[in-house]
C-alpha atoms as a PDB file:
ATOM      1  CA  VAL A   1       3.139   4.255  -4.131  1.00  0.00           C
ATOM      2  CA  VAL A   2       1.642   2.686  -7.268  1.00  0.00           C
ATOM      3  CA  ARG A   3       4.864   0.809  -8.041  1.00  0.00           C
ATOM      4  CA  SER A   4       5.186  -0.513  -4.478  1.00  0.00           C
ATOM      5  CA  ARG A   5       1.532  -1.625  -4.583  1.00  0.00           C
ATOM      6  CA  ARG A   6       2.211  -3.543  -7.807  1.00  0.00           C
ATOM      7  CA  VAL A   7       5.283  -5.182  -6.277  1.00  0.00           C
ATOM      8  CA  ILE A   8       3.260  -6.232  -3.235  1.00  0.00           C
ATOM      9  CA  VAL A   9       0.387  -7.572  -5.361  1.00  0.00           C
ATOM     10  CA  LEU A  10       2.773  -9.486  -7.606  1.00  0.00           C
ATOM     11  CA  SER A  11       4.742 -10.877  -4.657  1.00  0.00           C
ATOM     12  CA  LEU A  12       1.566 -12.107  -2.976  1.00  0.00           C
ATOM     13  CA  LEU A  13       0.335 -13.694  -6.210  1.00  0.00           C
ATOM     14  CA  VAL A  14       3.658 -15.456  -6.785  1.00  0.00           C
ATOM     15  CA  VAL A  15       3.672 -16.809  -3.227  1.00  0.00           C
ATOM     16  CA  ALA A  16       0.007 -17.871  -3.456  1.00  0.00           C
ATOM     17  CA  VAL A  17       0.518 -19.749  -6.716  1.00  0.00           C
ATOM     18  CA  GLY A  18       3.673 -21.359  -5.323  1.00  0.00           C
ATOM     19  CA  ILE A  19       1.711 -22.561  -2.300  1.00  0.00           C
ATOM     20  CA  ASN A  20      -1.122 -23.653  -4.586  1.00  0.00           C
ATOM     21  CA  TYR A  21       1.210 -25.963  -6.471  1.00  0.00           C
ATOM     22  CA  LEU A  22       3.140 -27.029  -3.387  1.00  0.00           C
ATOM     23  CA  ASP A  23       0.083 -28.361  -1.598  1.00  0.00           C
ATOM     24  CA  ARG A  24      -1.572 -30.022  -4.586  1.00  0.00           C
ATOM     25  CA  GLY A  25       1.616 -32.068  -5.044  1.00  0.00           C
ATOM     26  CA  SER A  26       1.831 -33.184  -1.433  1.00  0.00           C
ATOM     27  CA  LEU A  27      -0.168 -36.347  -2.066  1.00  0.00           C
ATOM     28  CA  SER A  28       2.366 -37.461  -4.658  1.00  0.00           C
ATOM     29  CA  VAL A  29       5.103 -37.269  -2.058  1.00  0.00           C
ATOM     30  CA  ALA A  30       2.988 -38.863   0.673  1.00  0.00           C
ATOM     31  CA  LYS A  31       1.537 -41.597  -1.570  1.00  0.00           C
ATOM     32  CA  PRO A  32       3.620 -44.570  -0.404  1.00  0.00           C
ATOM     33  CA  ALA A  33       3.079 -43.949   3.306  1.00  0.00           C
ATOM     34  CA  ALA A  34      -0.572 -42.872   3.031  1.00  0.00           C
ATOM     35  CA  ALA A  35      -1.482 -45.774   0.730  1.00  0.00           C
ATOM     36  CA  ARG A  36       0.189 -48.207   3.104  1.00  0.00           C
ATOM     37  CA  GLU A  37      -1.578 -46.789   6.167  1.00  0.00           C
ATOM     38  CA  PHE A  38      -5.031 -46.803   4.536  1.00  0.00           C
ATOM     39  CA  GLY A  39      -4.454 -50.036   2.605  1.00  0.00           C
ATOM     40  CA  LEU A  40      -5.151 -48.339  -0.731  1.00  0.00           C
ATOM     41  CA  ASP A  41      -4.338 -49.903  -4.079  1.00  0.00           C
ATOM     42  CA  ASN A  42      -3.358 -48.022  -7.231  1.00  0.00           C
ATOM     43  CA  ALA A  43      -6.998 -47.690  -8.331  1.00  0.00           C
ATOM     44  CA  HIS A  44      -7.951 -45.939  -5.080  1.00  0.00           C
ATOM     45  CA  MET A  45      -4.888 -43.709  -5.283  1.00  0.00           C
ATOM     46  CA  GLY A  46      -5.815 -42.884  -8.871  1.00  0.00           C
ATOM     47  CA  LEU A  47      -9.228 -41.750  -7.653  1.00  0.00           C
ATOM     48  CA  LEU A  48      -7.610 -39.537  -5.023  1.00  0.00           C
ATOM     49  CA  PHE A  49      -5.219 -37.990  -7.530  1.00  0.00           C
ATOM     50  CA  SER A  50      -7.847 -37.418 -10.213  1.00  0.00           C
ATOM     51  CA  SER A  51     -10.575 -36.168  -7.864  1.00  0.00           C
ATOM     52  CA  PHE A  52      -8.612 -32.967  -7.343  1.00  0.00           C
ATOM     53  CA  PHE A  53      -8.712 -32.252 -11.070  1.00  0.00           C
ATOM     54  CA  TRP A  54     -12.423 -33.073 -11.412  1.00  0.00           C
ATOM     55  CA  SER A  55     -13.432 -30.346  -9.012  1.00  0.00           C
ATOM     56  CA  TYR A  56     -10.594 -28.027 -10.074  1.00  0.00           C
ATOM     57  CA  ALA A  57     -11.677 -28.056 -13.720  1.00  0.00           C
ATOM     58  CA  VAL A  58     -15.393 -27.646 -13.050  1.00  0.00           C
ATOM     59  CA  PHE A  59     -14.942 -24.965 -10.414  1.00  0.00           C
ATOM     60  CA  GLN A  60     -12.588 -22.872 -12.535  1.00  0.00           C
ATOM     61  CA  LEU A  61     -15.726 -21.939 -14.476  1.00  0.00           C
ATOM     62  CA  VAL A  62     -17.472 -21.020 -11.226  1.00  0.00           C
ATOM     63  CA  SER A  63     -14.405 -19.133  -9.972  1.00  0.00           C
ATOM     64  CA  GLY A  64     -14.104 -17.186 -13.202  1.00  0.00           C
ATOM     65  CA  TRP A  65     -17.730 -16.166 -12.903  1.00  0.00           C
ATOM     66  CA  LEU A  66     -17.227 -15.175  -9.248  1.00  0.00           C
ATOM     67  CA  VAL A  67     -14.129 -13.017  -9.825  1.00  0.00           C
ATOM     68  CA  ASP A  68     -15.954 -11.183 -12.609  1.00  0.00           C
ATOM     69  CA  ARG A  69     -18.887 -10.324 -10.332  1.00  0.00           C
ATOM     70  CA  HIS A  70     -17.459  -9.939  -6.832  1.00  0.00           C
ATOM     71  CA  ASP A  71     -14.481  -8.352  -5.124  1.00  0.00           C
ATOM     72  CA  VAL A  72     -11.620 -10.494  -6.397  1.00  0.00           C
ATOM     73  CA  LYS A  73      -9.649 -10.122  -3.156  1.00  0.00           C
ATOM     74  CA  TRP A  74     -12.402 -11.798  -1.151  1.00  0.00           C
ATOM     75  CA  VAL A  75     -13.015 -14.511  -3.712  1.00  0.00           C
ATOM     76  CA  TYR A  76      -9.283 -15.296  -3.713  1.00  0.00           C
ATOM     77  CA  ALA A  77      -9.095 -15.187   0.090  1.00  0.00           C
ATOM     78  CA  THR A  78     -12.038 -17.564   0.397  1.00  0.00           C
ATOM     79  CA  GLY A  79     -10.528 -20.008  -2.096  1.00  0.00           C
ATOM     80  CA  PHE A  80      -7.160 -19.825  -0.330  1.00  0.00           C
ATOM     81  CA  LEU A  81      -8.847 -20.535   3.010  1.00  0.00           C
ATOM     82  CA  VAL A  82     -10.760 -23.514   1.594  1.00  0.00           C
ATOM     83  CA  TRP A  83      -7.682 -25.056  -0.004  1.00  0.00           C
ATOM     84  CA  SER A  84      -5.534 -24.475   3.094  1.00  0.00           C
ATOM     85  CA  LEU A  85      -8.075 -26.016   5.455  1.00  0.00           C
ATOM     86  CA  ALA A  86      -8.648 -28.966   3.101  1.00  0.00           C
ATOM     87  CA  THR A  87      -4.910 -29.599   2.914  1.00  0.00           C
ATOM     88  CA  ALA A  88      -4.408 -29.396   6.680  1.00  0.00           C
ATOM     89  CA  ALA A  89      -7.405 -31.659   7.283  1.00  0.00           C
ATOM     90  CA  MET A  90      -5.811 -34.336   5.087  1.00  0.00           C
ATOM     91  CA  GLY A  91      -3.254 -34.705   7.847  1.00  0.00           C
ATOM     92  CA  VAL A  92      -5.879 -35.891  10.322  1.00  0.00           C
ATOM     93  CA  VAL A  93      -8.278 -37.971   8.194  1.00  0.00           C
ATOM     94  CA  SER A  94      -9.002 -41.559   9.053  1.00  0.00           C
ATOM     95  CA  GLY A  95     -10.231 -43.041   5.800  1.00  0.00           C
ATOM     96  CA  PHE A  96     -10.461 -43.015   2.048  1.00  0.00           C
ATOM     97  CA  GLY A  97     -13.901 -41.387   1.781  1.00  0.00           C
ATOM     98  CA  VAL A  98     -12.991 -38.345   3.850  1.00  0.00           C
ATOM     99  CA  PHE A  99      -9.675 -38.020   2.039  1.00  0.00           C
ATOM    100  CA  MET A 100     -11.562 -38.067  -1.278  1.00  0.00           C
ATOM    101  CA  VAL A 101     -13.935 -35.296  -0.116  1.00  0.00           C
ATOM    102  CA  LEU A 102     -10.959 -33.208   1.001  1.00  0.00           C
ATOM    103  CA  ARG A 103      -9.259 -33.677  -2.377  1.00  0.00           C
ATOM    104  CA  LEU A 104     -12.450 -32.428  -4.043  1.00  0.00           C
ATOM    105  CA  LEU A 105     -12.506 -29.421  -1.695  1.00  0.00           C
ATOM    106  CA  LEU A 106      -8.848 -28.775  -2.452  1.00  0.00           C
ATOM    107  CA  GLY A 107      -9.658 -28.602  -6.154  1.00  0.00           C
ATOM    108  CA  MET A 108     -12.600 -26.289  -5.495  1.00  0.00           C
ATOM    109  CA  GLY A 109     -10.486 -23.936  -3.404  1.00  0.00           C
ATOM    110  CA  GLU A 110      -7.509 -23.915  -5.739  1.00  0.00           C
ATOM    111  CA  SER A 111      -9.710 -23.316  -8.779  1.00  0.00           C
ATOM    112  CA  VAL A 112      -9.885 -19.654  -7.843  1.00  0.00           C
ATOM    113  CA  ALA A 113      -6.129 -19.061  -8.224  1.00  0.00           C
ATOM    114  CA  TYR A 114      -5.780 -18.494 -11.952  1.00  0.00           C
ATOM    115  CA  PRO A 115      -8.999 -16.585 -12.641  1.00  0.00           C
ATOM    116  CA  ALA A 116      -8.279 -14.325  -9.661  1.00  0.00           C
ATOM    117  CA  THR A 117      -4.592 -13.959 -10.528  1.00  0.00           C
ATOM    118  CA  SER A 118      -5.452 -12.990 -14.095  1.00  0.00           C
ATOM    119  CA  ARG A 119      -7.971 -10.438 -12.897  1.00  0.00           C
ATOM    120  CA  LEU A 120      -5.533  -8.928 -10.389  1.00  0.00           C
ATOM    121  CA  LEU A 121      -2.681  -8.776 -12.893  1.00  0.00           C
ATOM    122  CA  ALA A 122      -4.904  -7.094 -15.467  1.00  0.00           C
ATOM    123  CA  ALA A 123      -6.056  -4.546 -12.884  1.00  0.00           C
ATOM    124  CA  SER A 124      -2.594  -3.870 -11.460  1.00  0.00           C
ATOM    125  CA  PHE A 125      -0.307  -3.901 -14.499  1.00  0.00           C
ATOM    126  CA  GLN A 126      -0.373  -2.151 -17.828  1.00  0.00           C
ATOM    127  CA  GLU A 127      -0.388  -4.427 -20.847  1.00  0.00           C
ATOM    128  CA  GLU A 128       3.346  -3.960 -21.522  1.00  0.00           C
ATOM    129  CA  GLN A 129       4.146  -4.981 -17.919  1.00  0.00           C
ATOM    130  CA  ARG A 130       2.118  -8.178 -17.820  1.00  0.00           C
ATOM    131  CA  GLY A 131       4.660 -10.426 -19.544  1.00  0.00           C
ATOM    132  CA  LEU A 132       7.139 -10.340 -16.674  1.00  0.00           C
ATOM    133  CA  ALA A 133       4.378 -10.500 -14.081  1.00  0.00           C
ATOM    134  CA  ASN A 134       2.839 -13.575 -15.731  1.00  0.00           C
ATOM    135  CA  SER A 135       6.231 -15.240 -16.108  1.00  0.00           C
ATOM    136  CA  LEU A 136       6.918 -14.838 -12.382  1.00  0.00           C
ATOM    137  CA  VAL A 137       3.526 -16.331 -11.514  1.00  0.00           C
ATOM    138  CA  ASP A 138       4.166 -19.216 -13.897  1.00  0.00           C
ATOM    139  CA  ALA A 139       7.650 -19.753 -12.440  1.00  0.00           C
ATOM    140  CA  ALA A 140       5.980 -20.134  -9.032  1.00  0.00           C
ATOM    141  CA  SER A 141       3.830 -22.910 -10.503  1.00  0.00           C
ATOM    142  CA  LYS A 142       7.064 -24.785 -11.269  1.00  0.00           C
ATOM    143  CA  ILE A 143       8.881 -23.943  -8.045  1.00  0.00           C
ATOM    144  CA  GLY A 144       5.909 -25.096  -5.933  1.00  0.00           C
ATOM    145  CA  PRO A 145       6.134 -28.771  -6.991  1.00  0.00           C
ATOM    146  CA  ALA A 146       9.918 -28.711  -6.628  1.00  0.00           C
ATOM    147  CA  LEU A 147       9.541 -27.444  -3.070  1.00  0.00           C
ATOM    148  CA  SER A 148       6.740 -29.944  -2.449  1.00  0.00           C
ATOM    149  CA  THR A 149       9.095 -32.782  -3.281  1.00  0.00           C
ATOM    150  CA  LEU A 150      11.984 -31.360  -1.273  1.00  0.00           C
ATOM    151  CA  ILE A 151      10.047 -30.170   1.761  1.00  0.00           C
ATOM    152  CA  GLY A 152       7.679 -33.128   1.574  1.00  0.00           C
ATOM    153  CA  GLY A 153      10.482 -35.664   1.591  1.00  0.00           C
ATOM    154  CA  LEU A 154      12.186 -34.004   4.529  1.00  0.00           C
ATOM    155  CA  VAL A 155       8.998 -33.622   6.567  1.00  0.00           C
ATOM    156  CA  ILE A 156       7.878 -37.205   5.891  1.00  0.00           C
ATOM    157  CA  ALA A 157      11.314 -38.588   6.734  1.00  0.00           C
ATOM    158  CA  HIS A 158      11.376 -36.819  10.091  1.00  0.00           C
ATOM    159  CA  TYR A 159       7.727 -36.470  11.122  1.00  0.00           C
ATOM    160  CA  GLY A 160       5.554 -38.683   8.921  1.00  0.00           C
ATOM    161  CA  TRP A 161       3.180 -38.093   6.027  1.00  0.00           C
ATOM    162  CA  ARG A 162       0.396 -36.563   8.138  1.00  0.00           C
ATOM    163  CA  MET A 163       2.640 -33.754   9.318  1.00  0.00           C
ATOM    164  CA  LEU A 164       3.332 -32.831   5.694  1.00  0.00           C
ATOM    165  CA  PHE A 165      -0.318 -31.946   5.150  1.00  0.00           C
ATOM    166  CA  LEU A 166      -0.533 -30.084   8.438  1.00  0.00           C
ATOM    167  CA  VAL A 167       2.578 -28.040   7.647  1.00  0.00           C
ATOM    168  CA  VAL A 168       1.619 -27.295   4.063  1.00  0.00           C
ATOM    169  CA  GLY A 169      -1.984 -26.518   5.002  1.00  0.00           C
END
């Protein structure tokens, strides 16, 4: 029972981190079409790309504090919900300002992933088991962008850039 619980926890963490990296990279894939539709230059796109990291970096401190003081499952679930809704909403926005706010929300939501993942791995795995568990989580952080590019390109080619955000969200 304990082993199967660890496998489930690790599988969910790997999938969550993969999704985390898949959706944060969606704007890179959608950039040409979204920039064209909104009439955005490189400076505006730079703001959209960097805004994610502004809130992500600041809110990792908040997320770390939260997972140390509250039930990590609920903190993670809330962050996952925020980042999923922010991503999906990017598929229906009508302007730069709203898109920027959603990118900030995406960073806030995704900031919970690594503090919560670390806490869950430490609670679920003995020290000598954490190397493999961490390597699988990190592999998901590399597979996510690869899938973002592949899936993103296919979705945009067939359904447009907005559908990419709706699907990924």
